[in-house]
Amino acid sequence: MGSCRLPCPPFYYAYADGSLSAHLVTSHFRLPGFHLRNFNFGCAHSALAEPVGVAGFGRGVLSVPTQLSTRPFSCCLVPHRFSSSVRRRPS
């Protein structure tokens, strides 16, 4: 995995029942038949509560659609529910 050319700024995202601590990272993104250099994403160091996933779908320069440079762009987000019986602990 690569890293930012300059020191990566830490970012913090807080939820009501936990938090996420991560850094901004630059690396390669590869799929069959597709390779993107300098793909920016958040790399989590620790998370509390349920599993966490973050992806930007806005119009900013770090959003997934902008970085993939695809027009049109579509994404299917399926519902995911967490069981109340799952034990919560730091990851």
Protein backbone atom coordinates (compact mmCIF):
# COMPACT_ATOMS: atom_id res chain seq x y z
CA MET A 1 0.00 0.00 0.00
CA GLY A 2 1.23 3.46 -0.79
CA SER A 3 0.94 6.62 1.21
CA CYS A 4 0.60 10.35 0.66
CA ARG A 5 3.55 12.20 -0.88
CA LEU A 6 3.30 14.81 1.90
CA PRO A 7 2.47 14.00 5.52
CA CYS A 8 -1.08 12.69 5.53
CA PRO A 9 -3.46 14.73 7.67
CA PRO A 10 -5.34 12.68 10.27
CA PHE A 11 -9.10 12.99 10.19
CA TYR A 12 -11.72 12.15 12.79
CA TYR A 13 -15.30 11.12 12.26
CA ALA A 14 -17.50 10.64 15.32
CA TYR A 15 -20.71 8.64 15.72
CA ALA A 16 -23.10 8.70 18.68
CA ASP A 17 -21.92 5.27 19.86
CA GLY A 18 -18.23 5.27 18.86
CA SER A 19 -15.62 6.83 16.65
CA LEU A 20 -13.18 6.24 13.82
CA SER A 21 -9.56 7.34 13.71
CA ALA A 22 -7.87 7.27 10.32
CA HIS A 23 -5.40 8.88 7.93
CA LEU A 24 -5.77 9.98 4.34
CA VAL A 25 -3.82 7.59 2.08
CA THR A 26 -2.90 7.60 -1.60
CA SER A 27 -2.41 4.26 -3.34
CA HIS A 28 -3.28 2.26 -6.48
CA PHE A 29 -6.84 1.08 -7.14
CA ARG A 30 -7.06 -2.03 -9.34
CA LEU A 31 -9.95 -3.98 -10.80
CA PRO A 32 -9.78 -6.46 -13.69
CA GLY A 33 -9.05 -4.33 -16.76
CA PHE A 34 -8.82 -1.11 -14.74
CA HIS A 35 -5.90 0.53 -12.91
CA LEU A 36 -5.97 3.92 -11.24
CA ARG A 37 -2.84 5.49 -9.79
CA ASN A 38 -3.00 8.04 -6.94
CA PHE A 39 -6.39 6.95 -5.59
CA ASN A 40 -7.14 8.77 -2.29
CA PHE A 41 -9.03 7.12 0.54
CA GLY A 42 -9.26 7.00 4.33
CA CYS A 43 -7.31 4.25 6.07
CA ALA A 44 -8.82 3.42 9.49
CA HIS A 45 -6.60 2.71 12.46
CA SER A 46 -9.35 1.99 14.96
CA ALA A 47 -13.12 1.95 15.07
CA LEU A 48 -15.59 1.50 17.90
CA ALA A 49 -19.05 -0.07 17.60
CA GLU A 50 -20.18 -1.64 14.32
CA PRO A 51 -18.00 -2.01 11.21
CA VAL A 52 -17.54 1.31 9.43
CA GLY A 53 -17.22 2.16 5.77
CA VAL A 54 -16.87 5.64 4.33
CA ALA A 55 -16.99 6.67 0.68
CA GLY A 56 -17.54 10.13 -0.76
CA PHE A 57 -20.06 10.44 -3.58
CA GLY A 58 -20.24 14.24 -3.83
CA ARG A 59 -18.73 16.49 -6.50
CA GLY A 60 -15.43 17.16 -4.70
CA VAL A 61 -12.00 16.19 -6.02
CA LEU A 62 -11.68 13.30 -3.53
CA SER A 63 -15.09 11.75 -4.24
CA VAL A 64 -15.18 8.25 -5.72
CA PRO A 65 -16.92 9.29 -8.99
CA THR A 66 -14.47 12.17 -9.55
CA GLN A 67 -11.42 9.99 -8.91
CA LEU A 68 -12.72 7.25 -11.22
CA SER A 69 -13.43 9.88 -13.91
CA THR A 70 -16.40 7.94 -15.17
CA ARG A 71 -19.52 9.49 -16.64
CA PRO A 72 -22.16 8.39 -15.98
CA PHE A 73 -21.48 6.82 -12.57
CA SER A 74 -23.87 4.53 -10.72
CA CYS A 75 -23.67 2.59 -7.49
CA CYS A 76 -26.06 0.15 -5.83
CA LEU A 77 -26.13 0.46 -2.03
CA VAL A 78 -27.93 -2.43 -0.36
CA PRO A 79 -29.43 -2.18 3.13
CA HIS A 80 -27.39 -3.69 5.93
CA ARG A 81 -28.69 -4.18 9.44
CA PHE A 82 -26.66 -4.96 12.53
CA SER A 83 -27.95 -7.45 15.06
CA SER A 84 -28.62 -6.14 18.55
CA SER A 85 -26.97 -9.32 19.85
CA VAL A 86 -23.58 -8.44 18.31
CA ARG A 87 -21.03 -7.66 21.00
CA ARG A 88 -19.54 -4.21 20.50
CA ARG A 89 -15.80 -3.85 20.98
CA PRO A 90 -12.89 -1.87 19.51
CA SER A 91 -11.60 -3.26 16.21
